[in-house]
Amino acid sequence: MGRTDDEIREARDDWMTSDRFGEVKGYDGDRLDAPEVPAAHLKARGRVR
């Protein structure tokens, strides 16, 4: 999960709008927002498999 620009954007959207990631049992605070994704297209850096 999260290897390409599209996967990272999809995961962030899912975090913010769905139950894909479930809930943390015992955590009483508000749900944390995912960090913003830069407007620029993300690309892999370093070693690519």
N, C-alpha and C. Protein backbone atom coordinates (compact mmCIF):
# COMPACT_ATOMS: atom_id res chain seq x y z
N MET A 1 0.84 -1.18 0.00
CA MET A 1 0.00 0.00 0.00
C MET A 1 0.89 1.24 0.00
N GLY A 2 0.53 2.20 -0.78
CA GLY A 2 1.23 3.47 -0.77
C GLY A 2 2.55 3.48 -1.50
N ARG A 3 2.64 2.75 -2.62
CA ARG A 3 3.90 2.74 -3.37
C ARG A 3 3.89 3.73 -4.52
N THR A 4 2.72 4.13 -4.97
CA THR A 4 2.65 5.06 -6.09
C THR A 4 1.90 6.32 -5.65
N ASP A 5 1.98 7.35 -6.46
CA ASP A 5 1.25 8.58 -6.18
C ASP A 5 -0.24 8.29 -6.01
N ASP A 6 -0.80 7.51 -6.93
CA ASP A 6 -2.23 7.20 -6.87
C ASP A 6 -2.59 6.42 -5.61
N GLU A 7 -1.77 5.44 -5.22
CA GLU A 7 -2.04 4.66 -4.01
C GLU A 7 -1.99 5.53 -2.76
N ILE A 8 -1.04 6.44 -2.70
CA ILE A 8 -0.91 7.32 -1.54
C ILE A 8 -2.12 8.24 -1.45
N ARG A 9 -2.53 8.81 -2.56
CA ARG A 9 -3.70 9.69 -2.57
C ARG A 9 -4.97 8.93 -2.21
N GLU A 10 -5.11 7.72 -2.74
CA GLU A 10 -6.28 6.90 -2.43
C GLU A 10 -6.32 6.54 -0.94
N ALA A 11 -5.17 6.17 -0.38
CA ALA A 11 -5.11 5.82 1.04
C ALA A 11 -5.48 7.02 1.90
N ARG A 12 -5.00 8.20 1.55
CA ARG A 12 -5.34 9.40 2.33
C ARG A 12 -6.83 9.67 2.25
N ASP A 13 -7.39 9.59 1.05
CA ASP A 13 -8.82 9.81 0.89
C ASP A 13 -9.63 8.79 1.69
N ASP A 14 -9.22 7.53 1.64
CA ASP A 14 -9.91 6.49 2.41
C ASP A 14 -9.82 6.76 3.91
N TRP A 15 -8.66 7.20 4.38
CA TRP A 15 -8.48 7.50 5.80
C TRP A 15 -9.47 8.59 6.23
N MET A 16 -9.62 9.59 5.39
CA MET A 16 -10.45 10.74 5.75
C MET A 16 -11.95 10.46 5.59
N THR A 17 -12.34 9.52 4.72
CA THR A 17 -13.76 9.38 4.39
C THR A 17 -14.36 8.01 4.62
N SER A 18 -13.59 7.01 5.00
CA SER A 18 -14.17 5.66 5.11
C SER A 18 -13.67 4.93 6.34
N ASP A 19 -14.10 3.69 6.45
CA ASP A 19 -13.70 2.84 7.58
C ASP A 19 -12.64 1.83 7.17
N ARG A 20 -11.96 2.06 6.06
CA ARG A 20 -10.96 1.12 5.55
C ARG A 20 -9.92 0.76 6.61
N PHE A 21 -9.54 1.72 7.44
CA PHE A 21 -8.46 1.49 8.41
C PHE A 21 -8.97 1.13 9.80
N GLY A 22 -10.27 1.07 9.99
CA GLY A 22 -10.82 0.67 11.28
C GLY A 22 -10.64 1.75 12.33
N GLU A 23 -10.66 1.32 13.59
CA GLU A 23 -10.52 2.25 14.70
C GLU A 23 -9.48 1.74 15.68
N VAL A 24 -8.97 2.63 16.49
CA VAL A 24 -7.99 2.26 17.51
C VAL A 24 -8.76 2.03 18.80
N LYS A 25 -8.78 0.81 19.28
CA LYS A 25 -9.51 0.47 20.50
C LYS A 25 -8.87 1.17 21.69
N GLY A 26 -9.69 1.77 22.53
CA GLY A 26 -9.20 2.41 23.74
C GLY A 26 -8.78 3.85 23.57
N TYR A 27 -8.81 4.38 22.33
CA TYR A 27 -8.44 5.77 22.09
C TYR A 27 -9.69 6.61 22.16
N ASP A 28 -9.73 7.57 23.10
CA ASP A 28 -10.93 8.37 23.33
C ASP A 28 -10.92 9.71 22.61
N GLY A 29 -9.83 10.09 21.99
CA GLY A 29 -9.73 11.40 21.34
C GLY A 29 -10.40 11.43 19.99
N ASP A 30 -10.41 12.61 19.38
CA ASP A 30 -10.95 12.77 18.04
C ASP A 30 -10.06 12.05 17.04
N ARG A 31 -10.66 11.62 15.96
CA ARG A 31 -9.90 10.97 14.88
C ARG A 31 -8.88 11.96 14.32
N LEU A 32 -7.66 11.53 14.12
CA LEU A 32 -6.61 12.39 13.59
C LEU A 32 -6.72 12.47 12.07
N ASP A 33 -6.49 13.66 11.53
CA ASP A 33 -6.50 13.84 10.08
C ASP A 33 -5.19 13.34 9.48
N ALA A 34 -5.28 12.81 8.28
CA ALA A 34 -4.08 12.42 7.54
C ALA A 34 -3.38 13.69 7.06
N PRO A 35 -2.06 13.66 6.93
CA PRO A 35 -1.37 14.85 6.43
C PRO A 35 -1.78 15.17 5.00
N GLU A 36 -1.67 16.43 4.66
CA GLU A 36 -1.97 16.86 3.30
C GLU A 36 -0.95 16.25 2.33
N VAL A 37 -1.40 15.97 1.13
CA VAL A 37 -0.52 15.46 0.08
C VAL A 37 -0.14 16.65 -0.80
N PRO A 38 1.13 16.81 -1.11
CA PRO A 38 1.54 17.93 -1.96
C PRO A 38 0.82 17.91 -3.31
N ALA A 39 0.63 19.09 -3.89
CA ALA A 39 -0.04 19.19 -5.19
C ALA A 39 0.79 18.55 -6.30
N ALA A 40 2.11 18.55 -6.14
CA ALA A 40 3.00 17.95 -7.15
C ALA A 40 2.83 16.44 -7.17
N HIS A 41 3.05 15.84 -8.33
CA HIS A 41 2.99 14.38 -8.48
C HIS A 41 4.12 13.75 -7.66
N LEU A 42 3.79 12.79 -6.81
CA LEU A 42 4.80 12.12 -5.98
C LEU A 42 5.50 11.04 -6.79
N LYS A 43 6.80 10.89 -6.57
CA LYS A 43 7.52 9.83 -7.26
C LYS A 43 8.45 9.14 -6.25
N ALA A 44 8.75 7.89 -6.55
CA ALA A 44 9.61 7.11 -5.66
C ALA A 44 11.00 7.72 -5.62
N ARG A 45 11.65 7.57 -4.50
CA ARG A 45 13.04 8.02 -4.40
C ARG A 45 13.87 6.87 -3.86
N GLY A 46 15.12 6.89 -4.15
CA GLY A 46 15.99 5.81 -3.69
C GLY A 46 15.77 4.54 -4.47
N ARG A 47 15.93 3.42 -3.79
CA ARG A 47 15.84 2.12 -4.43
C ARG A 47 14.39 1.78 -4.75
N VAL A 48 14.12 1.39 -5.97
CA VAL A 48 12.78 0.99 -6.39
C VAL A 48 12.82 -0.48 -6.69
N ARG A 49 11.86 -1.21 -6.16
CA ARG A 49 11.82 -2.68 -6.35
C ARG A 49 11.07 -3.02 -7.59
